[in-house]
């Protein structure tokens, strides 16, 4: 994919919500401005170290939505496959209820995903084990084979064919009920939740058979990557990943979960780091704690943008592009969003400073509509203190990216998203906070 030389191509190439697959020429290595090794290499070291000793790894990858976790996890999956693992990547919110998920749902999804991948590869799983696990699920959910067959759509039946084991159909039927939500999801989840140990034991029967098959195929092991869990509300993610951590860590396989950045700050009980091997993908620092530009971060973001567009052909100059980079706060998704708005709104064939300013105002309005009135004083205090308090309001501000966290090259700190700093209500709240502290009203 060549960098765009005109606005129409640039709109498509700068899609904000498109994770980049390995080999995509738009990918930019940000490890130099994030600090330390790239996520792919850190995961590789953990996985190789623990699996060589016969242990499983349960990892959590935290970070703001839009910071590039999915792109990095695709690279992890590619490394794992090249290194001899079977890696299965799943977007949880697309396979289950996109608003609510709990551990029974996830264990069903694990079972379904593993069986489906082995069947796709034409690797045989022990039929006796599949029947045993199917019988357990049938007995606790009280679902009959006729109901399972009736619940499958025409396309699913055609895909399965006559030789597919009943286990596969049962998993599709149960996860479909979970995804449908409402009373069907509640019934399935509640009945399975009554037997947590038996649930894990039966899932592990499948996992153990899968590992034996992997050994025969010369593979090192199994890695499951569950993405988009950070898109669930923090309370949902807390219940699933932290309150149910012991159950999830009882499953016999290597797993990576994504978690909202807010859970790093404000868990209800144990911290994420206490429950999982944790890596945080920090925001790319485009400014320093004192407010000065961090040129290295800005330049790296500009290089990422230049992989998508020829800056001199779609912008009137580098300074216009730099202004959008700064207003992104170091979030690659927000940079792409700002650029798209600028390309969509420019009356001419090239984006100038005025067009970029309108794009910033458009995105600023989107942010401000989500902010509650009582949260502006909190934002003002975050800006002054460069820290986040552990409470639900601050957790929400982190979840929505109204507040961004940075921790490259220094102690962890936070600040208000640059576009939010231009909101009038924020200015007013900041002035009141500075007046109470006896400071000078900010000119930002």
Protein backbone atom coordinates (compact mmCIF):
# COMPACT_ATOMS: atom_id res chain seq x y z
CA UNK A 1 0.00 0.00 0.00
CA UNK A 2 1.71 3.17 -1.18
CA UNK A 3 1.35 6.42 0.80
CA UNK A 4 -1.59 8.49 -0.41
CA UNK A 5 -0.84 11.48 -2.62
CA UNK A 6 -4.38 12.87 -2.64
CA UNK A 7 -7.12 13.49 -0.08
CA UNK A 8 -9.52 10.81 -1.31
CA UNK A 9 -6.97 8.02 -0.94
CA UNK A 10 -5.78 9.49 2.37
CA UNK A 11 -9.27 9.22 3.89
CA UNK A 12 -9.26 5.44 3.37
CA UNK A 13 -5.63 4.84 4.28
CA UNK A 14 -5.98 6.76 7.57
CA UNK A 15 -8.86 4.65 8.91
CA UNK A 16 -8.74 5.13 12.73
CA UNK A 17 -10.12 1.73 13.75
CA UNK A 18 -8.10 -0.50 11.42
CA UNK A 19 -5.47 -2.60 13.21
CA UNK A 20 -2.46 -3.25 11.00
CA UNK A 21 -1.58 -6.84 10.14
CA UNK A 22 2.07 -7.98 10.09
CA UNK A 23 3.68 -6.92 6.84
CA UNK A 24 1.49 -3.82 6.43
CA UNK A 25 3.82 -1.05 5.29
CA UNK A 26 1.90 1.48 7.36
CA UNK A 27 3.27 -0.05 10.57
CA UNK A 28 5.67 2.13 12.55
CA UNK A 29 7.91 0.80 15.32
CA UNK A 30 7.22 2.98 18.38
CA UNK A 31 9.38 1.01 20.81
CA UNK A 32 12.06 3.72 20.82
CA UNK A 33 9.61 6.28 22.23
CA UNK A 34 7.68 3.86 24.43
CA UNK A 35 10.75 2.61 26.23
CA UNK A 36 12.17 -0.89 26.51
CA UNK A 37 11.55 -3.80 24.19
CA UNK A 38 8.56 -4.00 21.86
CA UNK A 39 5.54 -5.91 23.19
CA UNK A 40 6.17 -8.74 20.72
CA UNK A 41 9.66 -9.36 22.15
CA UNK A 42 8.56 -9.13 25.78
CA UNK A 43 5.77 -11.65 25.22
CA UNK A 44 8.19 -13.90 23.33
CA UNK A 45 10.62 -13.98 26.24
CA UNK A 46 7.88 -14.73 28.76
CA UNK A 47 6.32 -17.45 26.68
CA UNK A 48 9.58 -19.18 25.84
CA UNK A 49 10.80 -19.01 29.43
CA UNK A 50 7.71 -20.41 31.12
CA UNK A 51 6.67 -22.98 28.53
CA UNK A 52 10.18 -24.45 28.49
CA UNK A 53 9.58 -25.26 32.17
CA UNK A 54 6.18 -26.82 31.51
CA UNK A 55 4.19 -23.85 32.81
CA UNK A 56 1.45 -21.76 31.25
CA UNK A 57 1.51 -17.97 31.04
CA UNK A 58 -1.51 -15.77 31.71
CA UNK A 59 -0.80 -12.28 30.46
CA UNK A 60 -2.67 -8.99 30.53
CA UNK A 61 -1.89 -6.20 28.06
CA UNK A 62 -3.12 -2.82 29.26
CA UNK A 63 -3.29 0.48 27.48
CA UNK A 64 -5.62 3.20 26.29
CA UNK A 65 -8.01 2.22 23.55
CA UNK A 66 -6.45 3.36 20.30
CA UNK A 67 -2.83 3.16 21.45
CA UNK A 68 -2.07 0.29 19.06
CA UNK A 69 -2.64 -2.84 21.18
CA UNK A 70 -4.42 -4.78 18.42
CA UNK A 71 -1.69 -4.03 15.90
CA UNK A 72 0.96 -5.19 18.36
CA UNK A 73 -1.03 -8.32 19.25
CA UNK A 74 -1.22 -9.26 15.58
CA UNK A 75 2.57 -9.13 15.58
CA UNK A 76 2.65 -11.32 18.71
CA UNK A 77 0.42 -13.85 16.93
CA UNK A 78 2.69 -13.85 13.87
CA UNK A 79 5.79 -14.37 16.03
CA UNK A 80 4.10 -17.23 17.91
CA UNK A 81 3.12 -18.98 14.68
CA UNK A 82 6.60 -18.56 13.22
CA UNK A 83 8.08 -19.93 16.46
CA UNK A 84 6.08 -23.15 16.45
CA UNK A 85 2.99 -22.29 18.51
CA UNK A 86 -0.62 -22.53 17.43
CA UNK A 87 -1.93 -19.00 18.01
CA UNK A 88 -5.64 -18.16 17.94
CA UNK A 89 -6.67 -14.49 17.90
CA UNK A 90 -10.25 -13.58 18.86
CA UNK A 91 -12.09 -10.27 19.20
CA UNK A 92 -14.27 -11.07 22.17
CA UNK A 93 -16.83 -8.31 21.62
CA UNK A 94 -17.57 -9.69 18.14
CA UNK A 95 -18.12 -13.26 19.31
CA UNK A 96 -20.01 -12.65 22.58
CA UNK A 97 -22.34 -9.99 23.97
CA UNK A 98 -20.57 -6.72 23.05
CA UNK A 99 -21.71 -5.02 26.28
CA UNK A 100 -21.41 -7.70 28.93
CA UNK A 101 -19.15 -10.71 29.37
CA UNK A 102 -18.34 -13.06 32.24
CA UNK A 103 -16.10 -16.08 32.77
CA UNK A 104 -18.69 -18.76 31.74
CA UNK A 105 -19.03 -16.98 28.38
CA UNK A 106 -15.28 -16.81 27.92
CA UNK A 107 -14.71 -20.48 28.74
CA UNK A 108 -17.38 -21.41 26.21
CA UNK A 109 -15.60 -19.23 23.67
CA UNK A 110 -12.24 -20.86 24.46
CA UNK A 111 -13.75 -24.29 23.84
CA UNK A 112 -15.42 -23.22 20.62
CA UNK A 113 -12.35 -21.40 19.24
CA UNK A 114 -9.93 -24.25 19.93
CA UNK A 115 -12.14 -26.95 18.43
CA UNK A 116 -12.90 -24.82 15.37
CA UNK A 117 -9.21 -24.06 14.71
CA UNK A 118 -8.20 -27.71 15.01
CA UNK A 119 -11.00 -28.69 12.67
CA UNK A 120 -9.92 -25.99 10.19
CA UNK A 121 -6.40 -27.43 10.24
CA UNK A 122 -7.83 -30.94 9.84
CA UNK A 123 -6.24 -32.05 13.10
CA UNK A 124 -8.19 -34.74 14.91
CA UNK A 125 -9.34 -34.24 18.49
CA UNK A 126 -10.29 -37.33 20.48
CA UNK A 127 -13.98 -38.00 19.78
CA UNK A 128 -14.52 -39.71 23.12
CA UNK A 129 -13.30 -36.60 24.95
CA UNK A 130 -15.45 -34.31 22.83
CA UNK A 131 -18.50 -36.45 23.59
CA UNK A 132 -17.73 -36.46 27.32
CA UNK A 133 -17.45 -32.67 27.43
CA UNK A 134 -20.56 -32.29 25.27
CA UNK A 135 -22.53 -34.55 27.61
CA UNK A 136 -21.54 -32.42 30.60
CA UNK A 137 -22.65 -29.17 28.94
CA UNK A 138 -25.88 -30.81 27.80
CA UNK A 139 -26.62 -32.07 31.30
CA UNK A 140 -26.10 -28.74 33.07
CA UNK A 141 -27.76 -26.52 30.46
CA UNK A 142 -30.64 -28.97 29.82
CA UNK A 143 -30.30 -28.36 26.10
CA UNK A 144 -31.37 -31.17 23.79
CA UNK A 145 -29.74 -32.17 20.53
CA UNK A 146 -32.88 -31.20 18.64
CA UNK A 147 -32.69 -27.68 20.09
CA UNK A 148 -29.04 -27.41 19.07
CA UNK A 149 -29.78 -28.46 15.49
CA UNK A 150 -32.78 -26.12 15.31
CA UNK A 151 -30.73 -23.16 16.55
CA UNK A 152 -28.10 -23.42 13.81
CA UNK A 153 -28.59 -21.17 10.83
CA UNK A 154 -28.68 -22.39 7.25
CA UNK A 155 -25.14 -21.10 6.55
CA UNK A 156 -23.77 -22.77 9.68
CA UNK A 157 -25.34 -26.11 8.78
CA UNK A 158 -23.89 -25.90 5.29
CA UNK A 159 -20.47 -25.06 6.70
CA UNK A 160 -20.51 -27.91 9.20
CA UNK A 161 -21.66 -30.73 7.00
CA UNK A 162 -22.50 -34.23 8.26
CA UNK A 163 -19.09 -35.17 9.71
CA UNK A 164 -18.66 -32.31 12.18
CA UNK A 165 -18.86 -33.51 15.81
CA UNK A 166 -21.85 -32.52 17.89
CA UNK A 167 -19.47 -30.68 20.23
CA UNK A 168 -18.86 -28.00 17.59
CA UNK A 169 -22.57 -27.47 17.03
CA UNK A 170 -23.21 -27.33 20.78
CA UNK A 171 -20.52 -24.66 21.32
CA UNK A 172 -21.94 -22.56 18.48
CA UNK A 173 -25.45 -22.88 19.92
CA UNK A 174 -24.40 -21.91 23.46
CA UNK A 175 -22.15 -18.99 22.47
CA UNK A 176 -24.87 -17.75 20.12
CA UNK A 177 -27.29 -17.68 23.02
CA UNK A 178 -24.75 -15.72 25.06
CA UNK A 179 -24.23 -13.24 22.24
CA UNK A 180 -27.98 -12.79 21.80
CA UNK A 181 -28.21 -11.36 25.32
CA UNK A 182 -31.41 -11.13 27.31
CA UNK A 183 -32.86 -14.11 29.17
CA UNK A 184 -31.17 -16.73 26.96
CA UNK A 185 -27.72 -15.43 27.90
CA UNK A 186 -28.66 -15.21 31.58
CA UNK A 187 -29.99 -18.77 31.63
CA UNK A 188 -26.87 -20.25 30.03
CA UNK A 189 -24.47 -18.22 32.14
CA UNK A 190 -26.23 -18.74 35.46
CA UNK A 191 -26.53 -22.49 35.15
CA UNK A 192 -22.88 -22.94 34.14
CA UNK A 193 -21.73 -20.61 36.91
CA UNK A 194 -23.09 -23.03 39.52
CA UNK A 195 -20.33 -25.51 38.67
CA UNK A 196 -17.08 -23.51 38.34
CA UNK A 197 -14.73 -26.41 39.11
CA UNK A 198 -16.54 -28.84 36.84
CA UNK A 199 -16.59 -26.20 34.10
CA UNK A 200 -12.82 -25.71 34.27
CA UNK A 201 -12.22 -29.47 34.51
CA UNK A 202 -14.23 -30.13 31.37
CA UNK A 203 -12.59 -27.32 29.43
CA UNK A 204 -9.22 -28.73 30.49
CA UNK A 205 -10.15 -32.15 29.14
CA UNK A 206 -10.38 -30.45 25.76
CA UNK A 207 -7.20 -28.43 26.31
CA UNK A 208 -5.19 -31.52 27.32
CA UNK A 209 -6.33 -33.41 24.23
CA UNK A 210 -5.44 -30.36 22.13
CA UNK A 211 -1.93 -30.25 23.59
CA UNK A 212 -1.36 -33.92 22.85
CA UNK A 213 -2.40 -33.32 19.26
CA UNK A 214 -0.08 -30.31 19.05
CA UNK A 215 2.82 -32.44 20.24
CA UNK A 216 2.13 -34.96 17.47
CA UNK A 217 2.11 -32.10 14.97
CA UNK A 218 5.46 -30.83 16.25
CA UNK A 219 4.08 -27.64 17.76
CA UNK A 220 5.36 -26.04 20.98
CA UNK A 221 1.98 -25.26 22.46
CA UNK A 222 -1.19 -23.16 22.26
CA UNK A 223 -1.52 -19.38 22.62
CA UNK A 224 -4.94 -17.71 22.83
CA UNK A 225 -5.16 -13.95 22.31
CA UNK A 226 -8.40 -12.33 23.51
CA UNK A 227 -8.58 -8.80 22.17
CA UNK A 228 -11.07 -5.94 22.64
CA UNK A 229 -11.79 -6.77 26.28
CA UNK A 230 -10.65 -3.19 26.91
CA UNK A 231 -13.77 -2.02 25.05
CA UNK A 232 -16.01 -3.27 27.84
CA UNK A 233 -16.89 -0.93 30.67
CA UNK A 234 -14.29 -1.05 33.48
CA UNK A 235 -16.71 -2.71 35.92
CA UNK A 236 -17.36 -5.53 33.43
CA UNK A 237 -13.65 -6.04 32.79
CA UNK A 238 -12.93 -5.95 36.54
CA UNK A 239 -15.51 -8.68 37.22
CA UNK A 240 -14.25 -10.86 34.39
CA UNK A 241 -10.50 -10.50 34.67
CA UNK A 242 -9.79 -9.70 38.31
CA UNK A 243 -12.64 -11.16 40.33
CA UNK A 244 -12.59 -14.34 38.20
CA UNK A 245 -8.80 -14.49 37.73
CA UNK A 246 -8.36 -17.78 39.61
CA UNK A 247 -10.88 -19.50 37.35
CA UNK A 248 -9.37 -18.11 34.15
CA UNK A 249 -5.87 -19.06 35.30
CA UNK A 250 -7.04 -22.62 35.90
CA UNK A 251 -7.37 -23.27 32.17
CA UNK A 252 -4.48 -25.29 30.68
CA UNK A 253 -3.24 -22.94 27.96
CA UNK A 254 -1.29 -19.75 27.41
CA UNK A 255 -3.56 -16.71 27.23
CA UNK A 256 -3.25 -12.98 26.61
CA UNK A 257 -6.11 -10.69 27.65
CA UNK A 258 -6.42 -6.99 26.88
CA UNK A 259 -7.52 -4.85 29.83
CA UNK A 260 -8.64 -1.21 30.10
CA UNK A 261 -5.92 1.16 31.30
CA UNK A 262 -8.29 2.26 34.07
CA UNK A 263 -8.01 -1.15 35.78
CA UNK A 264 -4.32 -0.47 36.33
CA UNK A 265 -5.33 2.52 38.45
CA UNK A 266 -8.53 1.50 40.15
CA UNK A 267 -9.21 -2.23 40.66
CA UNK A 268 -11.82 -3.17 43.23
CA UNK A 269 -9.56 -5.71 44.86
CA UNK A 270 -6.24 -7.15 43.74
CA UNK A 271 -4.37 -5.20 41.09
CA UNK A 272 -3.92 -6.47 37.54
CA UNK A 273 -0.21 -6.93 38.22
CA UNK A 274 -0.99 -9.19 41.18
CA UNK A 275 -3.22 -11.46 39.11
CA UNK A 276 -1.55 -11.56 35.68
CA UNK A 277 1.82 -11.04 34.04
CA UNK A 278 1.18 -7.49 32.91
CA UNK A 279 2.52 -5.30 30.13
CA UNK A 280 1.30 -1.73 29.71
CA UNK A 281 1.53 -0.16 26.27
CA UNK A 282 2.06 3.51 27.16
CA UNK A 283 0.82 6.43 25.12
CA UNK A 284 3.45 7.92 22.84
CA UNK A 285 4.75 11.00 24.59
CA UNK A 286 4.39 14.06 22.36
CA UNK A 287 4.86 16.47 25.23
CA UNK A 288 6.88 16.45 28.40
CA UNK A 289 5.47 16.64 31.89
CA UNK A 290 6.25 20.38 32.00
CA UNK A 291 4.27 20.97 28.80
CA UNK A 292 7.20 21.32 26.38
CA UNK A 293 7.12 19.35 23.15
CA UNK A 294 8.80 15.96 23.17
CA UNK A 295 10.38 16.19 19.75
CA UNK A 296 11.36 12.53 19.55
CA UNK A 297 7.76 11.44 20.10
CA UNK A 298 6.37 14.00 17.64
CA UNK A 299 8.88 12.97 14.98
CA UNK A 300 8.04 9.28 15.44
CA UNK A 301 4.31 10.02 15.03
CA UNK A 302 5.11 12.07 11.91
CA UNK A 303 7.02 9.10 10.48
CA UNK A 304 3.97 6.92 11.16
CA UNK A 305 1.79 9.42 9.31
CA UNK A 306 4.29 9.60 6.43
CA UNK A 307 3.90 5.83 5.98
CA UNK A 308 0.26 6.51 5.11
CA UNK A 309 0.34 9.82 3.23
CA UNK A 310 2.87 11.94 1.40
CA UNK A 311 2.77 14.84 3.82
CA UNK A 312 3.88 17.41 1.26
CA UNK A 313 1.10 16.37 -1.14
CA UNK A 314 -1.90 16.33 1.23
CA UNK A 315 -0.82 19.01 3.74
CA UNK A 316 0.38 22.53 3.00
CA UNK A 317 3.45 21.82 5.08
CA UNK A 318 4.87 19.72 7.89
CA UNK A 319 3.80 22.23 10.56
CA UNK A 320 0.13 21.59 9.81
CA UNK A 321 0.68 17.85 10.22
CA UNK A 322 2.67 18.48 13.43
CA UNK A 323 -0.29 20.40 14.87
CA UNK A 324 -2.53 17.36 14.39
CA UNK A 325 0.13 15.12 15.92
CA UNK A 326 0.32 17.29 19.03
CA UNK A 327 -3.47 17.40 19.38
CA UNK A 328 -3.60 13.61 19.20
CA UNK A 329 -1.86 13.41 22.58
CA UNK A 330 0.27 10.57 21.20
CA UNK A 331 -2.71 8.30 20.47
CA UNK A 332 -2.33 6.84 16.98
CA UNK A 333 -6.09 6.30 16.63
CA UNK A 334 -6.83 9.92 17.52
CA UNK A 335 -4.20 11.10 15.04
CA UNK A 336 -5.88 9.11 12.28
CA UNK A 337 -9.28 10.46 13.37
CA UNK A 338 -8.02 14.06 13.29
CA UNK A 339 -6.45 13.52 9.87
CA UNK A 340 -9.61 11.97 8.46
CA UNK A 341 -11.68 14.91 9.70
CA UNK A 342 -9.20 17.32 8.13
CA UNK A 343 -9.30 15.46 4.81
CA UNK A 344 -13.10 15.26 4.85
CA UNK A 345 -13.57 18.95 5.70
CA UNK A 346 -10.94 20.58 3.52
CA UNK A 347 -12.61 22.60 0.72
CA UNK A 348 -9.51 22.34 -1.47
CA UNK A 349 -7.23 19.51 -2.50
CA UNK A 350 -4.73 20.11 0.28
CA UNK A 351 -5.13 20.54 4.05
CA UNK A 352 -4.00 23.87 5.48
CA UNK A 353 -3.77 25.15 9.04
CA UNK A 354 -7.37 26.37 9.00
CA UNK A 355 -8.64 22.97 7.87
CA UNK A 356 -6.61 21.28 10.61
CA UNK A 357 -8.05 23.69 13.16
CA UNK A 358 -11.59 22.81 12.12
CA UNK A 359 -10.77 19.11 12.45
CA UNK A 360 -9.49 19.69 15.99
CA UNK A 361 -12.70 21.54 16.88
CA UNK A 362 -14.82 18.72 15.47
CA UNK A 363 -13.01 16.10 17.55
CA UNK A 364 -13.05 18.43 20.56
CA UNK A 365 -16.84 18.61 20.35
CA UNK A 366 -17.03 14.79 20.27
CA UNK A 367 -14.96 14.59 23.43
CA UNK A 368 -16.83 17.37 25.25
CA UNK A 369 -20.23 15.77 24.67
CA UNK A 370 -19.15 12.80 26.81
CA UNK A 371 -17.77 14.81 29.72
CA UNK A 372 -20.09 15.37 32.68
CA UNK A 373 -20.20 18.80 34.29
CA UNK A 374 -18.82 17.59 37.62
CA UNK A 375 -15.81 16.02 35.87
CA UNK A 376 -14.28 19.30 34.68
CA UNK A 377 -12.85 20.18 38.12
CA UNK A 378 -11.38 16.66 38.21
CA UNK A 379 -9.77 17.25 34.82
CA UNK A 380 -8.36 20.55 36.00
CA UNK A 381 -6.79 18.88 39.04
CA UNK A 382 -5.31 16.12 36.85
CA UNK A 383 -3.73 18.79 34.63
CA UNK A 384 -2.24 20.61 37.61
CA UNK A 385 -1.07 17.54 39.53
CA UNK A 386 -0.21 15.30 36.54
CA UNK A 387 -1.69 12.41 38.52
CA UNK A 388 -4.90 10.38 38.61
CA UNK A 389 -6.87 9.53 41.73
CA UNK A 390 -8.14 5.98 42.25
CA UNK A 391 -11.89 6.43 42.02
CA UNK A 392 -14.66 5.62 39.51
CA UNK A 393 -14.75 9.10 37.95
CA UNK A 394 -11.06 9.08 37.13
CA UNK A 395 -11.38 5.51 35.89
CA UNK A 396 -14.06 6.70 33.47
CA UNK A 397 -11.88 9.60 32.29
CA UNK A 398 -9.03 7.18 31.54
CA UNK A 399 -11.38 4.72 29.83
CA UNK A 400 -12.67 7.45 27.48
CA UNK A 401 -9.18 8.91 26.86
CA UNK A 402 -10.13 12.28 28.33
CA UNK A 403 -7.01 11.66 30.42
CA UNK A 404 -3.90 10.03 28.97
CA UNK A 405 -1.17 8.17 30.84
CA UNK A 406 2.53 8.43 30.01
CA UNK A 407 5.44 6.57 31.56
CA UNK A 408 8.32 6.52 29.11
CA UNK A 409 11.68 7.59 30.50
CA UNK A 410 10.37 8.79 33.84
CA UNK A 411 7.89 8.09 36.60
CA UNK A 412 4.33 7.43 35.41
CA UNK A 413 2.30 10.61 34.98
CA UNK A 414 -0.96 11.67 33.37
CA UNK A 415 -2.45 14.72 31.71
CA UNK A 416 -5.66 15.85 30.08
CA UNK A 417 -6.01 15.05 26.38
CA UNK A 418 -4.87 18.10 24.35
CA UNK A 419 -8.22 18.49 22.57
CA UNK A 420 -10.05 18.53 25.92
CA UNK A 421 -7.76 21.30 27.15
CA UNK A 422 -9.36 23.55 24.54
CA UNK A 423 -12.90 23.08 25.90
CA UNK A 424 -14.31 26.27 27.49
CA UNK A 425 -15.63 24.45 30.55
CA UNK A 426 -12.16 23.04 31.16
CA UNK A 427 -10.63 26.52 30.96
CA UNK A 428 -13.13 27.79 33.50
CA UNK A 429 -12.56 24.88 35.88
CA UNK A 430 -8.78 25.28 35.56
CA UNK A 431 -9.00 28.97 36.37
CA UNK A 432 -11.05 28.25 39.51
CA UNK A 433 -8.62 25.54 40.65
CA UNK A 434 -5.60 27.80 40.13
CA UNK A 435 -7.33 30.64 41.94
CA UNK A 436 -8.02 28.37 44.93
CA UNK A 437 -4.37 27.33 44.95
CA UNK A 438 -3.26 30.96 44.72
CA UNK A 439 -1.67 30.41 41.31
CA UNK A 440 -1.81 32.34 38.09
CA UNK A 441 -4.62 31.61 35.66
CA UNK A 442 -3.33 29.43 32.83
CA UNK A 443 -3.10 30.95 29.39
CA UNK A 444 -3.54 27.60 27.60
